[in-house]
PDB file of all heavy atoms in Angstrom:
ATOM      1  N   LYS A   1      69.915  66.643 -16.249  1.00  0.00           N
ATOM      2  CA  LYS A   1      69.213  67.885 -15.960  1.00  0.00           C
ATOM      3  C   LYS A   1      69.926  69.122 -16.498  1.00  0.00           C
ATOM      4  O   LYS A   1      69.356  70.213 -16.506  1.00  0.00           O
ATOM      5  CB  LYS A   1      68.970  68.041 -14.453  1.00  0.00           C
ATOM      6  CG  LYS A   1      70.222  68.248 -13.623  1.00  0.00           C
ATOM      7  CD  LYS A   1      69.869  68.415 -12.150  1.00  0.00           C
ATOM      8  CE  LYS A   1      71.104  68.658 -11.306  1.00  0.00           C
ATOM      9  NZ  LYS A   1      70.739  68.844  -9.867  1.00  0.00           N
ATOM     10  N   ASP A   2      71.167  68.964 -16.951  1.00  0.00           N
ATOM     11  CA  ASP A   2      71.878  70.060 -17.593  1.00  0.00           C
ATOM     12  C   ASP A   2      71.455  70.254 -19.047  1.00  0.00           C
ATOM     13  O   ASP A   2      71.874  71.226 -19.684  1.00  0.00           O
ATOM     14  CB  ASP A   2      73.391  69.825 -17.545  1.00  0.00           C
ATOM     15  CG  ASP A   2      73.947  69.826 -16.132  1.00  0.00           C
ATOM     16  OD1 ASP A   2      73.538  70.693 -15.331  1.00  0.00           O
ATOM     17  OD2 ASP A   2      74.795  68.959 -15.827  1.00  0.00           O
ATOM     18  N   THR A   3      70.665  69.346 -19.571  1.00  0.00           N
ATOM     19  CA  THR A   3      70.205  69.448 -20.951  1.00  0.00           C
ATOM     20  C   THR A   3      69.384  70.718 -21.145  1.00  0.00           C
ATOM     21  O   THR A   3      68.396  70.953 -20.450  1.00  0.00           O
ATOM     22  CB  THR A   3      69.371  68.221 -21.337  1.00  0.00           C
ATOM     23  OG1 THR A   3      70.194  67.049 -21.288  1.00  0.00           O
ATOM     24  CG2 THR A   3      68.809  68.367 -22.745  1.00  0.00           C
ATOM     25  N   ALA A   4      69.800  71.547 -22.089  1.00  0.00           N
ATOM     26  CA  ALA A   4      69.150  72.828 -22.334  1.00  0.00           C
ATOM     27  C   ALA A   4      69.825  73.506 -23.514  1.00  0.00           C
ATOM     28  O   ALA A   4      70.870  73.059 -23.999  1.00  0.00           O
ATOM     29  CB  ALA A   4      69.235  73.729 -21.098  1.00  0.00           C
ATOM     30  N   VAL A   5      69.225  74.595 -23.960  1.00  0.00           N
ATOM     31  CA  VAL A   5      69.889  75.492 -24.884  1.00  0.00           C
ATOM     32  C   VAL A   5      70.658  76.512 -24.054  1.00  0.00           C
ATOM     33  O   VAL A   5      70.080  77.163 -23.178  1.00  0.00           O
ATOM     34  CB  VAL A   5      68.903  76.204 -25.822  1.00  0.00           C
ATOM     35  CG1 VAL A   5      69.645  77.192 -26.728  1.00  0.00           C
ATOM     36  CG2 VAL A   5      68.141  75.191 -26.664  1.00  0.00           C
ATOM     37  N   TYR A   6      71.928  76.636 -24.320  1.00  0.00           N
ATOM     38  CA  TYR A   6      72.792  77.550 -23.586  1.00  0.00           C
ATOM     39  C   TYR A   6      73.029  78.802 -24.416  1.00  0.00           C
ATOM     40  O   TYR A   6      73.399  78.730 -25.589  1.00  0.00           O
ATOM     41  CB  TYR A   6      74.124  76.874 -23.248  1.00  0.00           C
ATOM     42  CG  TYR A   6      74.019  75.879 -22.122  1.00  0.00           C
ATOM     43  CD1 TYR A   6      73.319  74.689 -22.297  1.00  0.00           C
ATOM     44  CD2 TYR A   6      74.593  76.134 -20.881  1.00  0.00           C
ATOM     45  CE1 TYR A   6      73.197  73.782 -21.260  1.00  0.00           C
ATOM     46  CE2 TYR A   6      74.479  75.231 -19.845  1.00  0.00           C
ATOM     47  CZ  TYR A   6      73.777  74.053 -20.040  1.00  0.00           C
ATOM     48  OH  TYR A   6      73.664  73.150 -19.008  1.00  0.00           O
ATOM     49  N   TYR A   7      72.817  79.964 -23.784  1.00  0.00           N
ATOM     50  CA  TYR A   7      72.917  81.245 -24.462  1.00  0.00           C
ATOM     51  C   TYR A   7      74.044  82.078 -23.866  1.00  0.00           C
ATOM     52  O   TYR A   7      74.100  82.276 -22.649  1.00  0.00           O
ATOM     53  CB  TYR A   7      71.616  82.039 -24.329  1.00  0.00           C
ATOM     54  CG  TYR A   7      70.417  81.407 -24.984  1.00  0.00           C
ATOM     55  CD1 TYR A   7      69.591  80.554 -24.279  1.00  0.00           C
ATOM     56  CD2 TYR A   7      70.107  81.686 -26.311  1.00  0.00           C
ATOM     57  CE1 TYR A   7      68.484  79.974 -24.871  1.00  0.00           C
ATOM     58  CE2 TYR A   7      69.004  81.117 -26.909  1.00  0.00           C
ATOM     59  CZ  TYR A   7      68.196  80.264 -26.188  1.00  0.00           C
ATOM     60  OH  TYR A   7      67.091  79.707 -26.786  1.00  0.00           O
ATOM     61  N   CYS A   8      74.906  82.568 -24.714  1.00  0.00           N
ATOM     62  CA  CYS A   8      75.881  83.550 -24.282  1.00  0.00           C
ATOM     63  C   CYS A   8      75.170  84.868 -23.979  1.00  0.00           C
ATOM     64  O   CYS A   8      74.215  85.249 -24.666  1.00  0.00           O
ATOM     65  CB  CYS A   8      76.942  83.755 -25.363  1.00  0.00           C
ATOM     66  SG  CYS A   8      78.280  84.876 -24.888  1.00  0.00           S
ATOM     67  N   TYR A   9      75.644  85.556 -22.949  1.00  0.00           N
ATOM     68  CA  TYR A   9      75.019  86.785 -22.475  1.00  0.00           C
ATOM     69  C   TYR A   9      76.075  87.868 -22.306  1.00  0.00           C
ATOM     70  O   TYR A   9      77.188  87.601 -21.837  1.00  0.00           O
ATOM     71  CB  TYR A   9      74.322  86.519 -21.135  1.00  0.00           C
ATOM     72  CG  TYR A   9      73.923  87.754 -20.360  1.00  0.00           C
ATOM     73  CD1 TYR A   9      72.706  88.380 -20.603  1.00  0.00           C
ATOM     74  CD2 TYR A   9      74.759  88.276 -19.376  1.00  0.00           C
ATOM     75  CE1 TYR A   9      72.331  89.509 -19.886  1.00  0.00           C
ATOM     76  CE2 TYR A   9      74.393  89.399 -18.657  1.00  0.00           C
ATOM     77  CZ  TYR A   9      73.175  90.016 -18.910  1.00  0.00           C
ATOM     78  OH  TYR A   9      72.810  91.124 -18.193  1.00  0.00           O
ATOM     79  N   ALA A  10      75.716  89.084 -22.671  1.00  0.00           N
ATOM     80  CA  ALA A  10      76.601  90.223 -22.465  1.00  0.00           C
ATOM     81  C   ALA A  10      75.789  91.430 -22.036  1.00  0.00           C
ATOM     82  O   ALA A  10      74.699  91.678 -22.569  1.00  0.00           O
ATOM     83  CB  ALA A  10      77.393  90.547 -23.728  1.00  0.00           C
ATOM     84  N   TYR A  11      76.318  92.175 -21.069  1.00  0.00           N
ATOM     85  CA  TYR A  11      75.706  93.417 -20.615  1.00  0.00           C
ATOM     86  C   TYR A  11      76.726  94.532 -20.747  1.00  0.00           C
ATOM     87  O   TYR A  11      77.781  94.502 -20.118  1.00  0.00           O
ATOM     88  CB  TYR A  11      75.222  93.298 -19.171  1.00  0.00           C
ATOM     89  CG  TYR A  11      74.481  94.512 -18.689  1.00  0.00           C
ATOM     90  CD1 TYR A  11      73.135  94.690 -18.993  1.00  0.00           C
ATOM     91  CD2 TYR A  11      75.121  95.493 -17.939  1.00  0.00           C
ATOM     92  CE1 TYR A  11      72.451  95.814 -18.564  1.00  0.00           C
ATOM     93  CE2 TYR A  11      74.440  96.622 -17.511  1.00  0.00           C
ATOM     94  CZ  TYR A  11      73.100  96.773 -17.824  1.00  0.00           C
ATOM     95  OH  TYR A  11      72.424  97.881 -17.398  1.00  0.00           O
ATOM     96  N   ASP A  12      76.373  95.515 -21.564  1.00  0.00           N
ATOM     97  CA  ASP A  12      77.252  96.642 -21.846  1.00  0.00           C
ATOM     98  C   ASP A  12      76.466  97.925 -21.611  1.00  0.00           C
ATOM     99  O   ASP A  12      75.657  98.318 -22.452  1.00  0.00           O
ATOM    100  CB  ASP A  12      77.760  96.565 -23.286  1.00  0.00           C
ATOM    101  CG  ASP A  12      78.746  97.671 -23.633  1.00  0.00           C
ATOM    102  OD1 ASP A  12      79.038  98.525 -22.777  1.00  0.00           O
ATOM    103  OD2 ASP A  12      79.238  97.684 -24.786  1.00  0.00           O
ATOM    104  N   TYR A  13      76.712  98.590 -20.479  1.00  0.00           N
ATOM    105  CA  TYR A  13      75.922  99.774 -20.151  1.00  0.00           C
ATOM    106  C   TYR A  13      76.279 100.987 -20.995  1.00  0.00           C
ATOM    107  O   TYR A  13      75.609 102.017 -20.912  1.00  0.00           O
ATOM    108  CB  TYR A  13      76.013 100.114 -18.655  1.00  0.00           C
ATOM    109  CG  TYR A  13      77.402 100.110 -18.058  1.00  0.00           C
ATOM    110  CD1 TYR A  13      78.331 101.076 -18.379  1.00  0.00           C
ATOM    111  CD2 TYR A  13      77.758  99.136 -17.130  1.00  0.00           C
ATOM    112  CE1 TYR A  13      79.593 101.068 -17.810  1.00  0.00           C
ATOM    113  CE2 TYR A  13      79.016  99.122 -16.553  1.00  0.00           C
ATOM    114  CZ  TYR A  13      79.932 100.097 -16.894  1.00  0.00           C
ATOM    115  OH  TYR A  13      81.179 100.092 -16.320  1.00  0.00           O
ATOM    116  N   ASN A  14      77.308 100.892 -21.814  1.00  0.00           N
ATOM    117  CA  ASN A  14      77.652 101.955 -22.745  1.00  0.00           C
ATOM    118  C   ASN A  14      77.024 101.762 -24.120  1.00  0.00           C
ATOM    119  O   ASN A  14      77.182 102.611 -24.992  1.00  0.00           O
ATOM    120  CB  ASN A  14      79.168 102.075 -22.889  1.00  0.00           C
ATOM    121  CG  ASN A  14      79.830 102.598 -21.635  1.00  0.00           C
ATOM    122  OD1 ASN A  14      79.482 103.669 -21.140  1.00  0.00           O
ATOM    123  ND2 ASN A  14      80.791 101.851 -21.110  1.00  0.00           N
ATOM    124  N   ASP A  15      76.333 100.662 -24.318  1.00  0.00           N
ATOM    125  CA  ASP A  15      75.643 100.368 -25.555  1.00  0.00           C
ATOM    126  C   ASP A  15      74.174 100.722 -25.413  1.00  0.00           C
ATOM    127  O   ASP A  15      73.584 100.545 -24.344  1.00  0.00           O
ATOM    128  CB  ASP A  15      75.810  98.890 -25.919  1.00  0.00           C
ATOM    129  CG  ASP A  15      75.281  98.567 -27.299  1.00  0.00           C
ATOM    130  OD1 ASP A  15      76.030  98.701 -28.273  1.00  0.00           O
ATOM    131  OD2 ASP A  15      74.097  98.170 -27.394  1.00  0.00           O
ATOM    132  N   SER A  16      73.579 101.204 -26.487  1.00  0.00           N
ATOM    133  CA  SER A  16      72.185 101.630 -26.426  1.00  0.00           C
ATOM    134  C   SER A  16      71.239 100.479 -26.097  1.00  0.00           C
ATOM    135  O   SER A  16      70.188 100.695 -25.482  1.00  0.00           O
ATOM    136  CB  SER A  16      71.778 102.298 -27.737  1.00  0.00           C
ATOM    137  OG  SER A  16      71.901 101.414 -28.825  1.00  0.00           O
ATOM    138  N   GLN A  17      71.558  99.265 -26.518  1.00  0.00           N
ATOM    139  CA  GLN A  17      70.726  98.106 -26.240  1.00  0.00           C
ATOM    140  C   GLN A  17      71.029  97.468 -24.881  1.00  0.00           C
ATOM    141  O   GLN A  17      70.136  96.900 -24.258  1.00  0.00           O
ATOM    142  CB  GLN A  17      70.892  97.069 -27.355  1.00  0.00           C
ATOM    143  CG  GLN A  17      69.974  95.865 -27.235  1.00  0.00           C
ATOM    144  CD  GLN A  17      70.030  94.980 -28.463  1.00  0.00           C
ATOM    145  OE1 GLN A  17      70.027  95.465 -29.597  1.00  0.00           O
ATOM    146  NE2 GLN A  17      70.081  93.666 -28.234  1.00  0.00           N
ATOM    147  N   ARG A  18      72.247  97.564 -24.431  1.00  0.00           N
ATOM    148  CA  ARG A  18      72.742  97.081 -23.141  1.00  0.00           C
ATOM    149  C   ARG A  18      72.811  95.555 -23.051  1.00  0.00           C
ATOM    150  O   ARG A  18      73.892  95.008 -22.831  1.00  0.00           O
ATOM    151  CB  ARG A  18      71.919  97.652 -21.978  1.00  0.00           C
ATOM    152  CG  ARG A  18      72.071  99.141 -21.802  1.00  0.00           C
ATOM    153  CD  ARG A  18      71.434  99.606 -20.507  1.00  0.00           C
ATOM    154  NE  ARG A  18      71.653 101.026 -20.281  1.00  0.00           N
ATOM    155  CZ  ARG A  18      71.231 101.684 -19.223  1.00  0.00           C
ATOM    156  NH1 ARG A  18      70.547 101.050 -18.274  1.00  0.00           N
ATOM    157  NH2 ARG A  18      71.478 102.970 -19.109  1.00  0.00           N
ATOM    158  N   THR A  19      71.666  94.870 -23.183  1.00  0.00           N
ATOM    159  CA  THR A  19      71.631  93.421 -23.031  1.00  0.00           C
ATOM    160  C   THR A  19      71.676  92.742 -24.389  1.00  0.00           C
ATOM    161  O   THR A  19      70.921  93.106 -25.294  1.00  0.00           O
ATOM    162  CB  THR A  19      70.380  92.975 -22.274  1.00  0.00           C
ATOM    163  OG1 THR A  19      70.374  93.582 -20.981  1.00  0.00           O
ATOM    164  CG2 THR A  19      70.358  91.461 -22.116  1.00  0.00           C
ATOM    165  N   HIS A  20      72.558  91.747 -24.528  1.00  0.00           N
ATOM    166  CA  HIS A  20      72.727  91.033 -25.787  1.00  0.00           C
ATOM    167  C   HIS A  20      72.756  89.533 -25.531  1.00  0.00           C
ATOM    168  O   HIS A  20      73.252  89.078 -24.495  1.00  0.00           O
ATOM    169  CB  HIS A  20      74.023  91.454 -26.489  1.00  0.00           C
ATOM    170  CG  HIS A  20      74.096  92.917 -26.768  1.00  0.00           C
ATOM    171  ND1 HIS A  20      73.598  93.480 -27.927  1.00  0.00           N
ATOM    172  CD2 HIS A  20      74.598  93.944 -26.036  1.00  0.00           C
ATOM    173  CE1 HIS A  20      73.794  94.785 -27.896  1.00  0.00           C
ATOM    174  NE2 HIS A  20      74.397  95.100 -26.766  1.00  0.00           N
ATOM    175  N   TRP A  21      72.236  88.791 -26.496  1.00  0.00           N
ATOM    176  CA  TRP A  21      72.178  87.336 -26.419  1.00  0.00           C
ATOM    177  C   TRP A  21      72.741  86.705 -27.675  1.00  0.00           C
ATOM    178  O   TRP A  21      72.553  87.206 -28.781  1.00  0.00           O
ATOM    179  CB  TRP A  21      70.733  86.864 -26.253  1.00  0.00           C
ATOM    180  CG  TRP A  21      70.081  87.325 -24.988  1.00  0.00           C
ATOM    181  CD1 TRP A  21      69.277  88.407 -24.830  1.00  0.00           C
ATOM    182  CD2 TRP A  21      70.184  86.704 -23.705  1.00  0.00           C
ATOM    183  NE1 TRP A  21      68.864  88.506 -23.527  1.00  0.00           N
ATOM    184  CE2 TRP A  21      69.402  87.478 -22.815  1.00  0.00           C
ATOM    185  CE3 TRP A  21      70.847  85.577 -23.229  1.00  0.00           C
ATOM    186  CZ2 TRP A  21      69.274  87.153 -21.469  1.00  0.00           C
ATOM    187  CZ3 TRP A  21      70.726  85.253 -21.885  1.00  0.00           C
ATOM    188  CH2 TRP A  21      69.936  86.038 -21.025  1.00  0.00           C
ATOM    189  N   GLY A  22      73.421  85.572 -27.492  1.00  0.00           N
ATOM    190  CA  GLY A  22      73.814  84.766 -28.624  1.00  0.00           C
ATOM    191  C   GLY A  22      72.637  83.978 -29.166  1.00  0.00           C
ATOM    192  O   GLY A  22      71.524  84.018 -28.634  1.00  0.00           O
ATOM    193  N   GLN A  23      72.878  83.243 -30.241  1.00  0.00           N
ATOM    194  CA  GLN A  23      71.817  82.465 -30.873  1.00  0.00           C
ATOM    195  C   GLN A  23      71.439  81.225 -30.070  1.00  0.00           C
ATOM    196  O   GLN A  23      70.334  80.698 -30.228  1.00  0.00           O
ATOM    197  CB  GLN A  23      72.238  82.054 -32.281  1.00  0.00           C
ATOM    198  CG  GLN A  23      72.368  83.227 -33.244  1.00  0.00           C
ATOM    199  CD  GLN A  23      71.053  83.926 -33.475  1.00  0.00           C
ATOM    200  OE1 GLN A  23      70.038  83.295 -33.788  1.00  0.00           O
ATOM    201  NE2 GLN A  23      71.049  85.248 -33.319  1.00  0.00           N
ATOM    202  N   GLY A  24      72.323  80.757 -29.217  1.00  0.00           N
ATOM    203  CA  GLY A  24      72.078  79.575 -28.417  1.00  0.00           C
ATOM    204  C   GLY A  24      72.714  78.344 -29.024  1.00  0.00           C
ATOM    205  O   GLY A  24      72.770  78.193 -30.248  1.00  0.00           O
ATOM    206  N   THR A  25      73.186  77.458 -28.163  1.00  0.00           N
ATOM    207  CA  THR A  25      73.768  76.195 -28.593  1.00  0.00           C
ATOM    208  C   THR A  25      73.193  75.076 -27.731  1.00  0.00           C
ATOM    209  O   THR A  25      73.084  75.206 -26.513  1.00  0.00           O
ATOM    210  CB  THR A  25      75.308  76.235 -28.526  1.00  0.00           C
ATOM    211  OG1 THR A  25      75.853  75.009 -29.020  1.00  0.00           O
ATOM    212  CG2 THR A  25      75.809  76.469 -27.103  1.00  0.00           C
ATOM    213  N   GLN A  26      72.822  73.982 -28.368  1.00  0.00           N
ATOM    214  CA  GLN A  26      72.159  72.881 -27.679  1.00  0.00           C
ATOM    215  C   GLN A  26      73.174  72.009 -26.954  1.00  0.00           C
ATOM    216  O   GLN A  26      74.176  71.586 -27.538  1.00  0.00           O
ATOM    217  CB  GLN A  26      71.364  72.031 -28.669  1.00  0.00           C
ATOM    218  CG  GLN A  26      70.680  70.814 -28.047  1.00  0.00           C
ATOM    219  CD  GLN A  26      69.521  71.191 -27.159  1.00  0.00           C
ATOM    220  OE1 GLN A  26      68.691  72.019 -27.534  1.00  0.00           O
ATOM    221  NE2 GLN A  26      69.466  70.590 -25.970  1.00  0.00           N
ATOM    222  N   VAL A  27      72.892  71.734 -25.691  1.00  0.00           N
ATOM    223  CA  VAL A  27      73.650  70.768 -24.905  1.00  0.00           C
ATOM    224  C   VAL A  27      72.687  69.666 -24.488  1.00  0.00           C
ATOM    225  O   VAL A  27      71.677  69.931 -23.833  1.00  0.00           O
ATOM    226  CB  VAL A  27      74.293  71.412 -23.666  1.00  0.00           C
ATOM    227  CG1 VAL A  27      74.906  70.346 -22.756  1.00  0.00           C
ATOM    228  CG2 VAL A  27      75.344  72.424 -24.084  1.00  0.00           C
ATOM    229  N   THR A  28      72.992  68.439 -24.879  1.00  0.00           N
ATOM    230  CA  THR A  28      72.156  67.295 -24.543  1.00  0.00           C
ATOM    231  C   THR A  28      72.998  66.269 -23.804  1.00  0.00           C
ATOM    232  O   THR A  28      74.039  65.837 -24.307  1.00  0.00           O
ATOM    233  CB  THR A  28      71.543  66.662 -25.794  1.00  0.00           C
ATOM    234  OG1 THR A  28      70.760  67.637 -26.492  1.00  0.00           O
ATOM    235  CG2 THR A  28      70.647  65.485 -25.418  1.00  0.00           C
ATOM    236  N   VAL A  29      72.542  65.881 -22.621  1.00  0.00           N
ATOM    237  CA  VAL A  29      73.229  64.892 -21.792  1.00  0.00           C
ATOM    238  C   VAL A  29      72.325  63.674 -21.688  1.00  0.00           C
ATOM    239  O   VAL A  29      71.272  63.718 -21.045  1.00  0.00           O
ATOM    240  CB  VAL A  29      73.569  65.445 -20.405  1.00  0.00           C
ATOM    241  CG1 VAL A  29      74.390  64.430 -19.621  1.00  0.00           C
ATOM    242  CG2 VAL A  29      74.322  66.767 -20.530  1.00  0.00           C
ATOM    243  N   SER A  30      72.723  62.587 -22.327  1.00  0.00           N
ATOM    244  CA  SER A  30      71.885  61.402 -22.393  1.00  0.00           C
ATOM    245  C   SER A  30      72.739  60.170 -22.636  1.00  0.00           C
ATOM    246  O   SER A  30      73.746  60.232 -23.337  1.00  0.00           O
ATOM    247  CB  SER A  30      70.845  61.537 -23.506  1.00  0.00           C
ATOM    248  OG  SER A  30      70.022  60.388 -23.589  1.00  0.00           O
ATOM    249  N   SER A  31      72.328  59.053 -22.050  1.00  0.00           N
ATOM    250  CA  SER A  31      73.033  57.806 -22.247  1.00  0.00           C
ATOM    251  C   SER A  31      72.357  56.958 -23.314  1.00  0.00           C
ATOM    252  O   SER A  31      71.196  57.163 -23.665  1.00  0.00           O
ATOM    253  CB  SER A  31      73.113  57.017 -20.934  1.00  0.00           C
ATOM    254  OG  SER A  31      71.821  56.731 -20.434  1.00  0.00           O
TER     255      SER A  31
END
């Protein structure tokens, strides 16, 4: 159930955009 795309997140209230996301990295847990 942890299988998902994981995204890095950053919140910077001094930046005009404030919220930022990484491109995402795939995590797959399977036997």
